[in-house]
Amino acid sequence: MLERLEVLEQRIADLETDQRTTDARLTAAQVDAVVGSVIADAEARSEMFSLAGPVAGYDTTFFLRSDDGAFKLTPYLLFQFRHVAAFDDEGTSDSGFEMRRARLGLLGHAFEDVKYFLLAE
């Protein structure tokens, strides 16, 4: 058992020596090349998250528009609701809200010259 322990300790010492010599073999140029490669990869991946292209937001209304402003779409919802209450002679009541009318519309422009207004009833 003691002999086996000594063999294992020797193998660990050999592995540690190999690791130290491997680390020492890296030159400054190799380290700079690896760091440059990692930085280039990070910059290429971060370009995917740039804000170029379609834009959505809120500036008094919600909108979708192109990056250059040539196209814009503003959706909206127009609805009317009311409260209804009904009472009978026996003192029972029935009340609630009801939506009388609802309309979905789109407003915007294309190529800055063609303006549109669509209303679905």
PDB file of N, CA and C in Angstrom:
ATOM      1  N   MET A   1       0.819  -1.186   0.000  1.00  0.00           N
ATOM      2  CA  MET A   1       0.000   0.000   0.000  1.00  0.00           C
ATOM      3  C   MET A   1       0.870   1.259   0.000  1.00  0.00           C
ATOM      4  N   LEU A   2       1.938   1.232   0.781  1.00  0.00           N
ATOM      5  CA  LEU A   2       2.852   2.356   0.843  1.00  0.00           C
ATOM      6  C   LEU A   2       3.547   2.567  -0.496  1.00  0.00           C
ATOM      7  N   GLU A   3       3.869   1.482  -1.147  1.00  0.00           N
ATOM      8  CA  GLU A   3       4.522   1.565  -2.466  1.00  0.00           C
ATOM      9  C   GLU A   3       3.572   2.189  -3.496  1.00  0.00           C
ATOM     10  N   ARG A   4       2.333   1.829  -3.424  1.00  0.00           N
ATOM     11  CA  ARG A   4       1.334   2.379  -4.357  1.00  0.00           C
ATOM     12  C   ARG A   4       1.141   3.885  -4.115  1.00  0.00           C
ATOM     13  N   LEU A   5       1.154   4.303  -2.872  1.00  0.00           N
ATOM     14  CA  LEU A   5       1.047   5.706  -2.525  1.00  0.00           C
ATOM     15  C   LEU A   5       2.233   6.499  -3.072  1.00  0.00           C
ATOM     16  N   GLU A   6       3.439   5.945  -2.978  1.00  0.00           N
ATOM     17  CA  GLU A   6       4.621   6.623  -3.497  1.00  0.00           C
ATOM     18  C   GLU A   6       4.553   6.759  -5.020  1.00  0.00           C
ATOM     19  N   VAL A   7       4.022   5.744  -5.699  1.00  0.00           N
ATOM     20  CA  VAL A   7       3.877   5.808  -7.160  1.00  0.00           C
ATOM     21  C   VAL A   7       2.890   6.918  -7.546  1.00  0.00           C
ATOM     22  N   LEU A   8       1.803   7.006  -6.821  1.00  0.00           N
ATOM     23  CA  LEU A   8       0.814   8.040  -7.116  1.00  0.00           C
ATOM     24  C   LEU A   8       1.381   9.433  -6.840  1.00  0.00           C
ATOM     25  N   GLU A   9       2.131   9.601  -5.750  1.00  0.00           N
ATOM     26  CA  GLU A   9       2.743  10.892  -5.465  1.00  0.00           C
ATOM     27  C   GLU A   9       3.730  11.287  -6.550  1.00  0.00           C
ATOM     28  N   GLN A  10       4.463  10.322  -7.071  1.00  0.00           N
ATOM     29  CA  GLN A  10       5.418  10.607  -8.144  1.00  0.00           C
ATOM     30  C   GLN A  10       4.680  11.027  -9.421  1.00  0.00           C
ATOM     31  N   ARG A  11       3.570  10.375  -9.720  1.00  0.00           N
ATOM     32  CA  ARG A  11       2.785  10.736 -10.914  1.00  0.00           C
ATOM     33  C   ARG A  11       2.218  12.156 -10.798  1.00  0.00           C
ATOM     34  N   ILE A  12       1.770  12.529  -9.590  1.00  0.00           N
ATOM     35  CA  ILE A  12       1.265  13.880  -9.362  1.00  0.00           C
ATOM     36  C   ILE A  12       2.387  14.895  -9.551  1.00  0.00           C
ATOM     37  N   ALA A  13       3.552  14.608  -9.020  1.00  0.00           N
ATOM     38  CA  ALA A  13       4.698  15.514  -9.180  1.00  0.00           C
ATOM     39  C   ALA A  13       5.061  15.654 -10.655  1.00  0.00           C
ATOM     40  N   ASP A  14       5.033  14.571 -11.419  1.00  0.00           N
ATOM     41  CA  ASP A  14       5.341  14.627 -12.853  1.00  0.00           C
ATOM     42  C   ASP A  14       4.304  15.480 -13.601  1.00  0.00           C
ATOM     43  N   LEU A  15       3.043  15.312 -13.259  1.00  0.00           N
ATOM     44  CA  LEU A  15       1.999  16.105 -13.911  1.00  0.00           C
ATOM     45  C   LEU A  15       2.162  17.593 -13.601  1.00  0.00           C
ATOM     46  N   GLU A  16       2.483  17.937 -12.358  1.00  0.00           N
ATOM     47  CA  GLU A  16       2.698  19.333 -11.997  1.00  0.00           C
ATOM     48  C   GLU A  16       3.880  19.916 -12.747  1.00  0.00           C
ATOM     49  N   THR A  17       4.939  19.144 -12.919  1.00  0.00           N
ATOM     50  CA  THR A  17       6.111  19.601 -13.672  1.00  0.00           C
ATOM     51  C   THR A  17       5.748  19.824 -15.134  1.00  0.00           C
ATOM     52  N   ASP A  18       4.979  18.904 -15.708  1.00  0.00           N
ATOM     53  CA  ASP A  18       4.548  19.065 -17.100  1.00  0.00           C
ATOM     54  C   ASP A  18       3.688  20.317 -17.259  1.00  0.00           C
ATOM     55  N   GLN A  19       2.822  20.573 -16.310  1.00  0.00           N
ATOM     56  CA  GLN A  19       1.946  21.747 -16.385  1.00  0.00           C
ATOM     57  C   GLN A  19       2.762  23.030 -16.330  1.00  0.00           C
ATOM     58  N   ARG A  20       3.762  23.075 -15.442  1.00  0.00           N
ATOM     59  CA  ARG A  20       4.588  24.273 -15.338  1.00  0.00           C
ATOM     60  C   ARG A  20       5.394  24.502 -16.605  1.00  0.00           C
ATOM     61  N   THR A  21       5.912  23.467 -17.197  1.00  0.00           N
ATOM     62  CA  THR A  21       6.692  23.648 -18.426  1.00  0.00           C
ATOM     63  C   THR A  21       5.789  24.017 -19.604  1.00  0.00           C
ATOM     64  N   THR A  22       4.555  23.520 -19.638  1.00  0.00           N
ATOM     65  CA  THR A  22       3.619  23.888 -20.698  1.00  0.00           C
ATOM     66  C   THR A  22       3.260  25.359 -20.586  1.00  0.00           C
ATOM     67  N   ASP A  23       2.993  25.849 -19.365  1.00  0.00           N
ATOM     68  CA  ASP A  23       2.673  27.259 -19.161  1.00  0.00           C
ATOM     69  C   ASP A  23       3.852  28.147 -19.542  1.00  0.00           C
ATOM     70  N   ALA A  24       5.050  27.698 -19.282  1.00  0.00           N
ATOM     71  CA  ALA A  24       6.227  28.488 -19.579  1.00  0.00           C
ATOM     72  C   ALA A  24       6.496  28.556 -21.079  1.00  0.00           C
ATOM     73  N   ARG A  25       5.962  27.625 -21.853  1.00  0.00           N
ATOM     74  CA  ARG A  25       6.219  27.596 -23.290  1.00  0.00           C
ATOM     75  C   ARG A  25       5.426  28.653 -24.054  1.00  0.00           C
ATOM     76  N   LEU A  26       4.376  29.214 -23.480  1.00  0.00           N
ATOM     77  CA  LEU A  26       3.598  30.233 -24.167  1.00  0.00           C
ATOM     78  C   LEU A  26       4.412  31.517 -24.264  1.00  0.00           C
ATOM     79  N   THR A  27       4.495  32.027 -25.471  1.00  0.00           N
ATOM     80  CA  THR A  27       5.233  33.275 -25.664  1.00  0.00           C
ATOM     81  C   THR A  27       4.273  34.458 -25.563  1.00  0.00           C
ATOM     82  N   ALA A  28       4.833  35.631 -25.455  1.00  0.00           N
ATOM     83  CA  ALA A  28       4.018  36.837 -25.375  1.00  0.00           C
ATOM     84  C   ALA A  28       3.232  37.033 -26.670  1.00  0.00           C
ATOM     85  N   ALA A  29       3.805  36.667 -27.797  1.00  0.00           N
ATOM     86  CA  ALA A  29       3.122  36.798 -29.087  1.00  0.00           C
ATOM     87  C   ALA A  29       1.906  35.877 -29.151  1.00  0.00           C
ATOM     88  N   GLN A  30       2.044  34.666 -28.607  1.00  0.00           N
ATOM     89  CA  GLN A  30       0.913  33.736 -28.599  1.00  0.00           C
ATOM     90  C   GLN A  30      -0.209  34.258 -27.704  1.00  0.00           C
ATOM     91  N   VAL A  31       0.144  34.796 -26.568  1.00  0.00           N
ATOM     92  CA  VAL A  31      -0.857  35.346 -25.653  1.00  0.00           C
ATOM     93  C   VAL A  31      -1.565  36.521 -26.321  1.00  0.00           C
ATOM     94  N   ASP A  32      -0.803  37.399 -26.972  1.00  0.00           N
ATOM     95  CA  ASP A  32      -1.405  38.542 -27.665  1.00  0.00           C
ATOM     96  C   ASP A  32      -2.324  38.079 -28.787  1.00  0.00           C
ATOM     97  N   ALA A  33      -1.964  37.024 -29.500  1.00  0.00           N
ATOM     98  CA  ALA A  33      -2.794  36.508 -30.585  1.00  0.00           C
ATOM     99  C   ALA A  33      -4.111  35.965 -30.044  1.00  0.00           C
ATOM    100  N   VAL A  34      -4.057  35.252 -28.939  1.00  0.00           N
ATOM    101  CA  VAL A  34      -5.275  34.694 -28.349  1.00  0.00           C
ATOM    102  C   VAL A  34      -6.181  35.820 -27.830  1.00  0.00           C
ATOM    103  N   VAL A  35      -5.609  36.796 -27.159  1.00  0.00           N
ATOM    104  CA  VAL A  35      -6.396  37.916 -26.644  1.00  0.00           C
ATOM    105  C   VAL A  35      -7.018  38.704 -27.796  1.00  0.00           C
ATOM    106  N   GLY A  36      -6.262  38.939 -28.862  1.00  0.00           N
ATOM    107  CA  GLY A  36      -6.794  39.639 -30.035  1.00  0.00           C
ATOM    108  C   GLY A  36      -7.929  38.873 -30.677  1.00  0.00           C
ATOM    109  N   SER A  37      -7.809  37.566 -30.739  1.00  0.00           N
ATOM    110  CA  SER A  37      -8.864  36.732 -31.312  1.00  0.00           C
ATOM    111  C   SER A  37     -10.137  36.805 -30.471  1.00  0.00           C
ATOM    112  N   VAL A  38     -10.008  36.771 -29.173  1.00  0.00           N
ATOM    113  CA  VAL A  38     -11.169  36.853 -28.285  1.00  0.00           C
ATOM    114  C   VAL A  38     -11.847  38.214 -28.409  1.00  0.00           C
ATOM    115  N   ILE A  39     -11.076  39.283 -28.480  1.00  0.00           N
ATOM    116  CA  ILE A  39     -11.646  40.624 -28.617  1.00  0.00           C
ATOM    117  C   ILE A  39     -12.365  40.782 -29.955  1.00  0.00           C
ATOM    118  N   ALA A  40     -11.770  40.277 -31.037  1.00  0.00           N
ATOM    119  CA  ALA A  40     -12.415  40.363 -32.355  1.00  0.00           C
ATOM    120  C   ALA A  40     -13.728  39.595 -32.374  1.00  0.00           C
ATOM    121  N   ASP A  41     -13.751  38.424 -31.737  1.00  0.00           N
ATOM    122  CA  ASP A  41     -14.978  37.636 -31.674  1.00  0.00           C
ATOM    123  C   ASP A  41     -16.055  38.360 -30.862  1.00  0.00           C
ATOM    124  N   ALA A  42     -15.672  38.985 -29.765  1.00  0.00           N
ATOM    125  CA  ALA A  42     -16.638  39.724 -28.937  1.00  0.00           C
ATOM    126  C   ALA A  42     -17.207  40.914 -29.694  1.00  0.00           C
ATOM    127  N   GLU A  43     -16.377  41.626 -30.438  1.00  0.00           N
ATOM    128  CA  GLU A  43     -16.873  42.769 -31.214  1.00  0.00           C
ATOM    129  C   GLU A  43     -17.822  42.313 -32.319  1.00  0.00           C
ATOM    130  N   ALA A  44     -17.502  41.204 -32.978  1.00  0.00           N
ATOM    131  CA  ALA A  44     -18.380  40.697 -34.041  1.00  0.00           C
ATOM    132  C   ALA A  44     -19.724  40.267 -33.473  1.00  0.00           C
ATOM    133  N   ARG A  45     -19.733  39.655 -32.313  1.00  0.00           N
ATOM    134  CA  ARG A  45     -20.999  39.216 -31.711  1.00  0.00           C
ATOM    135  C   ARG A  45     -21.809  40.387 -31.177  1.00  0.00           C
ATOM    136  N   SER A  46     -21.167  41.456 -30.720  1.00  0.00           N
ATOM    137  CA  SER A  46     -21.914  42.591 -30.182  1.00  0.00           C
ATOM    138  C   SER A  46     -22.569  43.409 -31.293  1.00  0.00           C
ATOM    139  N   GLU A  47     -22.106  43.311 -32.527  1.00  0.00           N
ATOM    140  CA  GLU A  47     -22.728  44.024 -33.635  1.00  0.00           C
ATOM    141  C   GLU A  47     -24.132  43.508 -33.917  1.00  0.00           C
ATOM    142  N   MET A  48     -24.426  42.269 -33.553  1.00  0.00           N
ATOM    143  CA  MET A  48     -25.753  41.712 -33.779  1.00  0.00           C
ATOM    144  C   MET A  48     -26.808  42.437 -32.952  1.00  0.00           C
ATOM    145  N   PHE A  49     -26.395  43.086 -31.861  1.00  0.00           N
ATOM    146  CA  PHE A  49     -27.350  43.723 -30.976  1.00  0.00           C
ATOM    147  C   PHE A  49     -27.460  45.226 -31.219  1.00  0.00           C
ATOM    148  N   SER A  50     -26.965  45.714 -32.344  1.00  0.00           N
ATOM    149  CA  SER A  50     -27.071  47.140 -32.632  1.00  0.00           C
ATOM    150  C   SER A  50     -28.522  47.495 -32.951  1.00  0.00           C
ATOM    151  N   LEU A  51     -28.866  48.771 -32.861  1.00  0.00           N
ATOM    152  CA  LEU A  51     -30.239  49.209 -33.031  1.00  0.00           C
ATOM    153  C   LEU A  51     -30.580  49.592 -34.471  1.00  0.00           C
ATOM    154  N   ALA A  52     -29.791  49.184 -35.426  1.00  0.00           N
ATOM    155  CA  ALA A  52     -30.106  49.486 -36.819  1.00  0.00           C
ATOM    156  C   ALA A  52     -31.283  48.629 -37.267  1.00  0.00           C
ATOM    157  N   GLY A  53     -32.138  49.194 -38.108  1.00  0.00           N
ATOM    158  CA  GLY A  53     -33.291  48.450 -38.607  1.00  0.00           C
ATOM    159  C   GLY A  53     -34.575  49.006 -38.045  1.00  0.00           C
ATOM    160  N   PRO A  54     -35.619  48.209 -38.008  1.00  0.00           N
ATOM    161  CA  PRO A  54     -36.914  48.688 -37.520  1.00  0.00           C
ATOM    162  C   PRO A  54     -36.833  49.140 -36.068  1.00  0.00           C
ATOM    163  N   VAL A  55     -37.609  50.172 -35.774  1.00  0.00           N
ATOM    164  CA  VAL A  55     -37.618  50.735 -34.429  1.00  0.00           C
ATOM    165  C   VAL A  55     -39.058  50.747 -33.929  1.00  0.00           C
ATOM    166  N   ALA A  56     -39.259  50.431 -32.686  1.00  0.00           N
ATOM    167  CA  ALA A  56     -40.575  50.494 -32.050  1.00  0.00           C
ATOM    168  C   ALA A  56     -40.434  51.325 -30.791  1.00  0.00           C
ATOM    169  N   GLY A  57     -41.508  52.034 -30.437  1.00  0.00           N
ATOM    170  CA  GLY A  57     -41.421  52.846 -29.236  1.00  0.00           C
ATOM    171  C   GLY A  57     -42.718  53.553 -28.917  1.00  0.00           C
ATOM    172  N   TYR A  58     -42.592  54.580 -28.093  1.00  0.00           N
ATOM    173  CA  TYR A  58     -43.740  55.345 -27.637  1.00  0.00           C
ATOM    174  C   TYR A  58     -43.338  56.814 -27.561  1.00  0.00           C
ATOM    175  N   ASP A  59     -44.059  57.691 -28.256  1.00  0.00           N
ATOM    176  CA  ASP A  59     -43.849  59.137 -28.182  1.00  0.00           C
ATOM    177  C   ASP A  59     -45.205  59.843 -28.261  1.00  0.00           C
ATOM    178  N   THR A  60     -46.037  59.682 -27.337  1.00  0.00           N
ATOM    179  CA  THR A  60     -47.460  60.046 -27.231  1.00  0.00           C
ATOM    180  C   THR A  60     -48.347  58.942 -27.787  1.00  0.00           C
ATOM    181  N   THR A  61     -47.864  58.107 -28.699  1.00  0.00           N
ATOM    182  CA  THR A  61     -48.571  56.921 -29.192  1.00  0.00           C
ATOM    183  C   THR A  61     -47.538  55.834 -29.454  1.00  0.00           C
ATOM    184  N   PHE A  62     -47.996  54.594 -29.517  1.00  0.00           N
ATOM    185  CA  PHE A  62     -47.110  53.498 -29.883  1.00  0.00           C
ATOM    186  C   PHE A  62     -46.884  53.535 -31.382  1.00  0.00           C
ATOM    187  N   PHE A  63     -45.693  53.129 -31.829  1.00  0.00           N
ATOM    188  CA  PHE A  63     -45.403  53.154 -33.256  1.00  0.00           C
ATOM    189  C   PHE A  63     -44.381  52.091 -33.628  1.00  0.00           C
ATOM    190  N   LEU A  64     -44.367  51.755 -34.906  1.00  0.00           N
ATOM    191  CA  LEU A  64     -43.336  50.948 -35.542  1.00  0.00           C
ATOM    192  C   LEU A  64     -42.861  51.768 -36.731  1.00  0.00           C
ATOM    193  N   ARG A  65     -41.565  51.908 -36.914  1.00  0.00           N
ATOM    194  CA  ARG A  65     -41.078  52.674 -38.055  1.00  0.00           C
ATOM    195  C   ARG A  65     -39.737  52.133 -38.522  1.00  0.00           C
ATOM    196  N   SER A  66     -39.389  52.482 -39.732  1.00  0.00           N
ATOM    197  CA  SER A  66     -38.096  52.080 -40.274  1.00  0.00           C
ATOM    198  C   SER A  66     -37.011  52.986 -39.703  1.00  0.00           C
ATOM    199  N   ASP A  67     -35.780  52.559 -39.828  1.00  0.00           N
ATOM    200  CA  ASP A  67     -34.662  53.293 -39.260  1.00  0.00           C
ATOM    201  C   ASP A  67     -34.514  54.668 -39.899  1.00  0.00           C
ATOM    202  N   ASP A  68     -34.786  54.761 -41.192  1.00  0.00           N
ATOM    203  CA  ASP A  68     -34.649  56.038 -41.890  1.00  0.00           C
ATOM    204  C   ASP A  68     -35.897  56.907 -41.805  1.00  0.00           C
ATOM    205  N   GLY A  69     -36.996  56.408 -41.224  1.00  0.00           N
ATOM    206  CA  GLY A  69     -38.214  57.184 -41.048  1.00  0.00           C
ATOM    207  C   GLY A  69     -39.127  57.201 -42.257  1.00  0.00           C
ATOM    208  N   ALA A  70     -38.803  56.434 -43.297  1.00  0.00           N
ATOM    209  CA  ALA A  70     -39.629  56.432 -44.501  1.00  0.00           C
ATOM    210  C   ALA A  70     -40.963  55.722 -44.276  1.00  0.00           C
ATOM    211  N   PHE A  71     -41.009  54.770 -43.377  1.00  0.00           N
ATOM    212  CA  PHE A  71     -42.235  54.014 -43.091  1.00  0.00           C
ATOM    213  C   PHE A  71     -42.577  54.165 -41.614  1.00  0.00           C
ATOM    214  N   LYS A  72     -43.866  54.364 -41.343  1.00  0.00           N
ATOM    215  CA  LYS A  72     -44.320  54.452 -39.953  1.00  0.00           C
ATOM    216  C   LYS A  72     -45.710  53.844 -39.849  1.00  0.00           C
ATOM    217  N   LEU A  73     -45.932  53.079 -38.803  1.00  0.00           N
ATOM    218  CA  LEU A  73     -47.211  52.428 -38.545  1.00  0.00           C
ATOM    219  C   LEU A  73     -47.585  52.678 -37.092  1.00  0.00           C
ATOM    220  N   THR A  74     -48.781  53.207 -36.884  1.00  0.00           N
ATOM    221  CA  THR A  74     -49.282  53.461 -35.534  1.00  0.00           C
ATOM    222  C   THR A  74     -50.604  52.726 -35.366  1.00  0.00           C
ATOM    223  N   PRO A  75     -50.640  51.644 -34.601  1.00  0.00           N
ATOM    224  CA  PRO A  75     -51.911  50.958 -34.355  1.00  0.00           C
ATOM    225  C   PRO A  75     -52.678  51.660 -33.235  1.00  0.00           C
ATOM    226  N   TYR A  76     -53.990  51.586 -33.302  1.00  0.00           N
ATOM    227  CA  TYR A  76     -54.772  52.145 -32.214  1.00  0.00           C
ATOM    228  C   TYR A  76     -56.074  51.371 -32.062  1.00  0.00           C
ATOM    229  N   LEU A  77     -56.669  51.527 -30.903  1.00  0.00           N
ATOM    230  CA  LEU A  77     -57.925  50.873 -30.565  1.00  0.00           C
ATOM    231  C   LEU A  77     -58.882  51.943 -30.060  1.00  0.00           C
ATOM    232  N   LEU A  78     -60.049  51.990 -30.654  1.00  0.00           N
ATOM    233  CA  LEU A  78     -61.086  52.937 -30.255  1.00  0.00           C
ATOM    234  C   LEU A  78     -62.258  52.110 -29.742  1.00  0.00           C
ATOM    235  N   PHE A  79     -62.685  52.359 -28.525  1.00  0.00           N
ATOM    236  CA  PHE A  79     -63.811  51.586 -27.993  1.00  0.00           C
ATOM    237  C   PHE A  79     -64.704  52.472 -27.130  1.00  0.00           C
ATOM    238  N   GLN A  80     -65.930  52.017 -27.009  1.00  0.00           N
ATOM    239  CA  GLN A  80     -66.906  52.714 -26.180  1.00  0.00           C
ATOM    240  C   GLN A  80     -67.506  51.680 -25.238  1.00  0.00           C
ATOM    241  N   PHE A  81     -67.513  51.982 -23.982  1.00  0.00           N
ATOM    242  CA  PHE A  81     -68.147  51.074 -23.028  1.00  0.00           C
ATOM    243  C   PHE A  81     -69.059  51.884 -22.115  1.00  0.00           C
ATOM    244  N   ARG A  82     -69.973  51.188 -21.496  1.00  0.00           N
ATOM    245  CA  ARG A  82     -70.893  51.866 -20.589  1.00  0.00           C
ATOM    246  C   ARG A  82     -71.256  50.936 -19.444  1.00  0.00           C
ATOM    247  N   HIS A  83     -71.717  51.547 -18.369  1.00  0.00           N
ATOM    248  CA  HIS A  83     -72.183  50.802 -17.208  1.00  0.00           C
ATOM    249  C   HIS A  83     -73.689  50.655 -17.319  1.00  0.00           C
ATOM    250  N   VAL A  84     -74.176  49.459 -17.105  1.00  0.00           N
ATOM    251  CA  VAL A  84     -75.603  49.175 -17.199  1.00  0.00           C
ATOM    252  C   VAL A  84     -76.069  48.668 -15.840  1.00  0.00           C
ATOM    253  N   ALA A  85     -77.183  49.217 -15.379  1.00  0.00           N
ATOM    254  CA  ALA A  85     -77.762  48.775 -14.112  1.00  0.00           C
ATOM    255  C   ALA A  85     -79.265  48.596 -14.308  1.00  0.00           C
ATOM    256  N   ALA A  86     -79.780  47.474 -13.842  1.00  0.00           N
ATOM    257  CA  ALA A  86     -81.219  47.198 -13.957  1.00  0.00           C
ATOM    258  C   ALA A  86     -81.747  46.824 -12.576  1.00  0.00           C
ATOM    259  N   PHE A  87     -82.829  47.453 -12.175  1.00  0.00           N
ATOM    260  CA  PHE A  87     -83.454  47.187 -10.886  1.00  0.00           C
ATOM    261  C   PHE A  87     -84.894  46.749 -11.134  1.00  0.00           C
ATOM    262  N   ASP A  88     -85.373  45.831 -10.321  1.00  0.00           N
ATOM    263  CA  ASP A  88     -86.787  45.433 -10.443  1.00  0.00           C
ATOM    264  C   ASP A  88     -87.534  45.802  -9.163  1.00  0.00           C
ATOM    265  N   ASP A  89     -88.831  45.528  -9.139  1.00  0.00           N
ATOM    266  CA  ASP A  89     -89.667  45.919  -8.003  1.00  0.00           C
ATOM    267  C   ASP A  89     -89.358  45.127  -6.743  1.00  0.00           C
ATOM    268  N   GLU A  90     -88.735  43.989  -6.874  1.00  0.00           N
ATOM    269  CA  GLU A  90     -88.451  43.147  -5.715  1.00  0.00           C
ATOM    270  C   GLU A  90     -87.141  43.530  -5.023  1.00  0.00           C
ATOM    271  N   GLY A  91     -86.423  44.509  -5.566  1.00  0.00           N
ATOM    272  CA  GLY A  91     -85.191  44.963  -4.925  1.00  0.00           C
ATOM    273  C   GLY A  91     -83.937  44.268  -5.441  1.00  0.00           C
ATOM    274  N   THR A  92     -84.048  43.381  -6.389  1.00  0.00           N
ATOM    275  CA  THR A  92     -82.850  42.749  -6.950  1.00  0.00           C
ATOM    276  C   THR A  92     -82.318  43.634  -8.074  1.00  0.00           C
ATOM    277  N   SER A  93     -81.043  43.554  -8.265  1.00  0.00           N
ATOM    278  CA  SER A  93     -80.432  44.382  -9.309  1.00  0.00           C
ATOM    279  C   SER A  93     -79.441  43.553 -10.109  1.00  0.00           C
ATOM    280  N   ASP A  94     -79.215  44.007 -11.303  1.00  0.00           N
ATOM    281  CA  ASP A  94     -78.237  43.392 -12.188  1.00  0.00           C
ATOM    282  C   ASP A  94     -77.452  44.537 -12.810  1.00  0.00           C
ATOM    283  N   SER A  95     -76.138  44.522 -12.666  1.00  0.00           N
ATOM    284  CA  SER A  95     -75.352  45.622 -13.208  1.00  0.00           C
ATOM    285  C   SER A  95     -74.028  45.093 -13.737  1.00  0.00           C
ATOM    286  N   GLY A  96     -73.419  45.897 -14.577  1.00  0.00           N
ATOM    287  CA  GLY A  96     -72.118  45.533 -15.137  1.00  0.00           C
ATOM    288  C   GLY A  96     -71.723  46.477 -16.258  1.00  0.00           C
ATOM    289  N   PHE A  97     -70.576  46.219 -16.852  1.00  0.00           N
ATOM    290  CA  PHE A  97     -70.093  47.019 -17.967  1.00  0.00           C
ATOM    291  C   PHE A  97     -70.282  46.242 -19.257  1.00  0.00           C
ATOM    292  N   GLU A  98     -70.540  46.964 -20.328  1.00  0.00           N
ATOM    293  CA  GLU A  98     -70.609  46.333 -21.636  1.00  0.00           C
ATOM    294  C   GLU A  98     -69.880  47.217 -22.635  1.00  0.00           C
ATOM    295  N   MET A  99     -69.263  46.562 -23.605  1.00  0.00           N
ATOM    296  CA  MET A  99     -68.565  47.284 -24.652  1.00  0.00           C
ATOM    297  C   MET A  99     -69.511  47.430 -25.832  1.00  0.00           C
ATOM    298  N   ARG A 100     -69.846  48.657 -26.141  1.00  0.00           N
ATOM    299  CA  ARG A 100     -70.824  48.917 -27.191  1.00  0.00           C
ATOM    300  C   ARG A 100     -70.179  48.824 -28.571  1.00  0.00           C
ATOM    301  N   ARG A 101     -69.070  49.454 -28.748  1.00  0.00           N
ATOM    302  CA  ARG A 101     -68.418  49.485 -30.049  1.00  0.00           C
ATOM    303  C   ARG A 101     -66.912  49.336 -29.840  1.00  0.00           C
ATOM    304  N   ALA A 102     -66.267  48.718 -30.803  1.00  0.00           N
ATOM    305  CA  ALA A 102     -64.813  48.620 -30.780  1.00  0.00           C
ATOM    306  C   ALA A 102     -64.303  48.688 -32.212  1.00  0.00           C
ATOM    307  N   ARG A 103     -63.263  49.457 -32.416  1.00  0.00           N
ATOM    308  CA  ARG A 103     -62.672  49.596 -33.739  1.00  0.00           C
ATOM    309  C   ARG A 103     -61.158  49.515 -33.607  1.00  0.00           C
ATOM    310  N   LEU A 104     -60.554  48.801 -34.533  1.00  0.00           N
ATOM    311  CA  LEU A 104     -59.106  48.685 -34.607  1.00  0.00           C
ATOM    312  C   LEU A 104     -58.656  49.455 -35.836  1.00  0.00           C
ATOM    313  N   GLY A 105     -57.647  50.275 -35.697  1.00  0.00           N
ATOM    314  CA  GLY A 105     -57.202  51.083 -36.821  1.00  0.00           C
ATOM    315  C   GLY A 105     -55.698  51.120 -36.947  1.00  0.00           C
ATOM    316  N   LEU A 106     -55.241  51.511 -38.142  1.00  0.00           N
ATOM    317  CA  LEU A 106     -53.825  51.699 -38.430  1.00  0.00           C
ATOM    318  C   LEU A 106     -53.665  53.060 -39.085  1.00  0.00           C
ATOM    319  N   LEU A 107     -52.655  53.764 -38.680  1.00  0.00           N
ATOM    320  CA  LEU A 107     -52.394  55.094 -39.192  1.00  0.00           C
ATOM    321  C   LEU A 107     -50.903  55.183 -39.463  1.00  0.00           C
ATOM    322  N   GLY A 108     -50.521  55.813 -40.563  1.00  0.00           N
ATOM    323  CA  GLY A 108     -49.099  55.942 -40.818  1.00  0.00           C
ATOM    324  C   GLY A 108     -48.793  56.500 -42.174  1.00  0.00           C
ATOM    325  N   HIS A 109     -47.546  56.319 -42.600  1.00  0.00           N
ATOM    326  CA  HIS A 109     -47.129  56.755 -43.924  1.00  0.00           C
ATOM    327  C   HIS A 109     -46.091  55.796 -44.497  1.00  0.00           C
ATOM    328  N   ALA A 110     -46.015  55.780 -45.826  1.00  0.00           N
ATOM    329  CA  ALA A 110     -45.027  54.985 -46.549  1.00  0.00           C
ATOM    330  C   ALA A 110     -44.303  55.918 -47.510  1.00  0.00           C
ATOM    331  N   PHE A 111     -43.020  55.851 -47.557  1.00  0.00           N
ATOM    332  CA  PHE A 111     -42.180  56.705 -48.408  1.00  0.00           C
ATOM    333  C   PHE A 111     -42.395  58.193 -48.105  1.00  0.00           C
ATOM    334  N   GLU A 112     -42.882  58.523 -46.947  1.00  0.00           N
ATOM    335  CA  GLU A 112     -43.134  59.876 -46.459  1.00  0.00           C
ATOM    336  C   GLU A 112     -44.150  60.658 -47.299  1.00  0.00           C
ATOM    337  N   ASP A 113     -44.579  60.152 -48.456  1.00  0.00           N
ATOM    338  CA  ASP A 113     -45.546  60.849 -49.302  1.00  0.00           C
ATOM    339  C   ASP A 113     -46.915  60.188 -49.274  1.00  0.00           C
ATOM    340  N   VAL A 114     -46.960  58.880 -49.075  1.00  0.00           N
ATOM    341  CA  VAL A 114     -48.219  58.133 -49.088  1.00  0.00           C
ATOM    342  C   VAL A 114     -48.675  57.958 -47.646  1.00  0.00           C
ATOM    343  N   LYS A 115     -49.728  58.673 -47.300  1.00  0.00           N
ATOM    344  CA  LYS A 115     -50.276  58.563 -45.952  1.00  0.00           C
ATOM    345  C   LYS A 115     -51.494  57.644 -45.999  1.00  0.00           C
ATOM    346  N   TYR A 116     -51.681  56.838 -44.964  1.00  0.00           N
ATOM    347  CA  TYR A 116     -52.811  55.915 -44.944  1.00  0.00           C
ATOM    348  C   TYR A 116     -53.514  55.944 -43.593  1.00  0.00           C
ATOM    349  N   PHE A 117     -54.790  55.565 -43.644  1.00  0.00           N
ATOM    350  CA  PHE A 117     -55.626  55.482 -42.456  1.00  0.00           C
ATOM    351  C   PHE A 117     -56.584  54.311 -42.706  1.00  0.00           C
ATOM    352  N   LEU A 118     -56.432  53.233 -41.981  1.00  0.00           N
ATOM    353  CA  LEU A 118     -57.285  52.051 -42.114  1.00  0.00           C
ATOM    354  C   LEU A 118     -58.106  51.896 -40.847  1.00  0.00           C
ATOM    355  N   LEU A 119     -59.406  51.646 -41.020  1.00  0.00           N
ATOM    356  CA  LEU A 119     -60.293  51.490 -39.886  1.00  0.00           C
ATOM    357  C   LEU A 119     -61.134  50.248 -40.075  1.00  0.00           C
ATOM    358  N   ALA A 120     -61.071  49.316 -39.157  1.00  0.00           N
ATOM    359  CA  ALA A 120     -61.881  48.098 -39.206  1.00  0.00           C
ATOM    360  C   ALA A 120     -63.053  48.270 -38.239  1.00  0.00           C
ATOM    361  N   GLU A 121     -64.267  48.074 -38.756  1.00  0.00           N
ATOM    362  CA  GLU A 121     -65.447  48.232 -37.910  1.00  0.00           C
ATOM    363  C   GLU A 121     -66.090  46.898 -37.640  1.00  0.00           C
TER     364      GLU A 121
END
